[in-house]
Protein backbone atom coordinates (compact mmCIF):
# COMPACT_ATOMS: atom_id res chain seq x y z
CA UNK A 1 -0.01 0.00 0.06
CA UNK A 2 2.81 2.38 0.72
CA UNK A 3 3.93 2.33 -2.96
CA UNK A 4 0.34 2.38 -4.31
CA UNK A 5 -0.05 5.68 -6.10
CA UNK A 6 -3.86 5.30 -6.15
CA UNK A 7 -3.90 4.83 -2.29
CA UNK A 8 -5.29 7.87 -0.51
CA UNK A 9 -4.45 6.44 3.06
CA UNK A 10 -1.91 8.98 4.46
CA UNK A 11 -1.18 6.82 7.52
CA UNK A 12 0.72 4.31 5.36
CA UNK A 13 2.68 7.04 3.56
CA UNK A 14 4.02 8.59 6.73
CA UNK A 15 5.52 5.32 8.13
CA UNK A 16 9.10 4.93 7.63
CA UNK A 17 10.39 2.26 5.18
CA UNK A 18 12.00 -0.78 7.00
CA UNK A 19 15.23 -0.10 8.78
CA UNK A 20 18.52 -1.59 7.21
CA UNK A 21 21.52 -3.28 8.89
CA UNK A 22 23.51 -0.82 10.93
CA UNK A 23 20.56 1.27 11.65
CA UNK A 24 20.09 1.47 15.61
CA UNK A 25 16.42 0.67 15.04
CA UNK A 26 17.13 -2.28 12.96
CA UNK A 27 15.47 -5.49 14.56
CA UNK A 28 13.71 -3.38 17.29
CA UNK A 29 10.00 -2.95 17.67
CA UNK A 30 8.73 0.78 17.27
CA UNK A 31 9.11 3.01 20.42
CA UNK A 32 5.88 3.10 22.42
CA UNK A 33 4.40 -0.06 20.61
CA UNK A 34 2.72 -2.93 22.44
CA UNK A 35 5.39 -5.20 21.19
CA UNK A 36 8.17 -3.17 22.68
CA UNK A 37 6.17 -3.27 26.05
CA UNK A 38 5.82 -7.02 25.79
CA UNK A 39 9.39 -7.29 25.41
CA UNK A 40 10.24 -5.23 28.31
CA UNK A 41 7.74 -7.19 30.40
CA UNK A 42 9.31 -10.54 29.36
CA UNK A 43 12.87 -9.25 30.26
CA UNK A 44 11.67 -8.20 33.65
CA UNK A 45 9.91 -11.53 34.17
CA UNK A 46 13.03 -13.50 33.25
CA UNK A 47 15.23 -11.29 35.54
CA UNK A 48 13.00 -12.21 38.38
CA UNK A 49 13.20 -15.83 37.59
CA UNK A 50 16.97 -15.59 37.55
CA UNK A 51 16.94 -13.81 40.98
CA UNK A 52 14.55 -16.65 42.42
CA UNK A 53 16.95 -19.30 41.08
CA UNK A 54 19.94 -17.60 42.83
CA UNK A 55 17.84 -17.49 46.12
CA UNK A 56 17.13 -21.23 45.70
CA UNK A 57 20.71 -22.08 45.17
CA UNK A 58 21.68 -20.11 48.18
CA UNK A 59 19.14 -21.78 50.45
CA UNK A 60 19.64 -25.38 49.16
CA UNK A 61 23.28 -25.45 48.47
CA UNK A 62 26.35 -25.57 50.71
CA UNK A 63 29.14 -23.13 51.27
CA UNK A 64 32.39 -24.45 50.00
CA UNK A 65 35.99 -23.63 50.96
CA UNK A 66 36.27 -20.90 48.45
CA UNK A 67 33.15 -19.18 50.22
CA UNK A 68 30.90 -19.77 47.20
CA UNK A 69 27.62 -21.72 47.44
CA UNK A 70 27.30 -24.82 45.33
CA UNK A 71 24.51 -27.36 44.58
CA UNK A 72 24.44 -30.19 42.25
CA UNK A 73 22.16 -29.90 39.20
CA UNK A 74 19.97 -32.96 40.27
CA UNK A 75 19.36 -31.33 43.60
CA UNK A 76 18.50 -28.12 42.04
CA UNK A 77 16.45 -29.58 39.45
CA UNK A 78 14.29 -31.49 41.92
CA UNK A 79 13.85 -28.36 44.08
CA UNK A 80 13.22 -25.72 41.21
CA UNK A 81 11.05 -27.90 38.90
CA UNK A 82 8.22 -27.45 41.19
CA UNK A 83 8.42 -23.64 40.75
CA UNK A 84 9.27 -23.38 37.13
CA UNK A 85 9.79 -26.04 34.34
CA UNK A 86 12.37 -23.71 32.79
CA UNK A 87 15.39 -24.61 35.01
CA UNK A 88 18.02 -24.97 32.37
CA UNK A 89 16.98 -21.93 30.34
CA UNK A 90 17.14 -19.87 33.67
CA UNK A 91 20.50 -21.50 34.48
CA UNK A 92 21.84 -20.45 30.96
CA UNK A 93 20.57 -16.93 31.45
CA UNK A 94 22.13 -16.71 34.99
CA UNK A 95 25.45 -17.91 33.52
CA UNK A 96 25.41 -15.35 30.77
CA UNK A 97 25.04 -12.58 33.33
CA UNK A 98 27.94 -14.05 35.37
CA UNK A 99 25.77 -15.16 38.37
CA UNK A 100 26.47 -18.91 38.29
CA UNK A 101 29.20 -21.15 36.94
CA UNK A 102 28.84 -24.84 35.71
CA UNK A 103 30.73 -27.02 33.19
CA UNK A 104 29.31 -27.79 29.80
CA UNK A 105 27.19 -26.12 27.31
CA UNK A 106 23.91 -27.68 28.34
CA UNK A 107 22.53 -29.63 31.39
CA UNK A 108 20.50 -32.77 30.91
CA UNK A 109 18.32 -34.31 33.56
CA UNK A 110 19.63 -37.70 34.61
CA UNK A 111 22.85 -37.33 32.70
CA UNK A 112 24.25 -34.26 34.41
CA UNK A 113 22.67 -34.65 37.73
CA UNK A 114 26.13 -34.72 39.38
CA UNK A 115 27.32 -31.42 37.82
CA UNK A 116 28.18 -28.80 40.38
CA UNK A 117 26.47 -25.33 39.91
CA UNK A 118 28.36 -22.56 41.85
CA UNK A 119 26.68 -19.37 42.82
CA UNK A 120 29.08 -16.47 42.08
């Protein structure tokens, strides 16, 4: 519709054409849109889940010689799965933000139950 010379709808003509790579708005929803607000809400929700995960690790884990609290993945999974079924995804997000440390790319229930997760 934006390119249709016979269209009399001014709303479409006033909208900017899609952003290109390198543009700061590329890949982002328009400011003030509902999409932007949903993204902000989701980011906030995940942040709260990461905080809750860290509190669970602190309460169920044991303090090691280095002063850091550690827990096995199996123990954490059994405790946290009653709260949320996204244990591994939240753990990966927490590691991305430097809040926890564990070996390996991904953790699998059963196979990685003995992997130690350390709260930083």
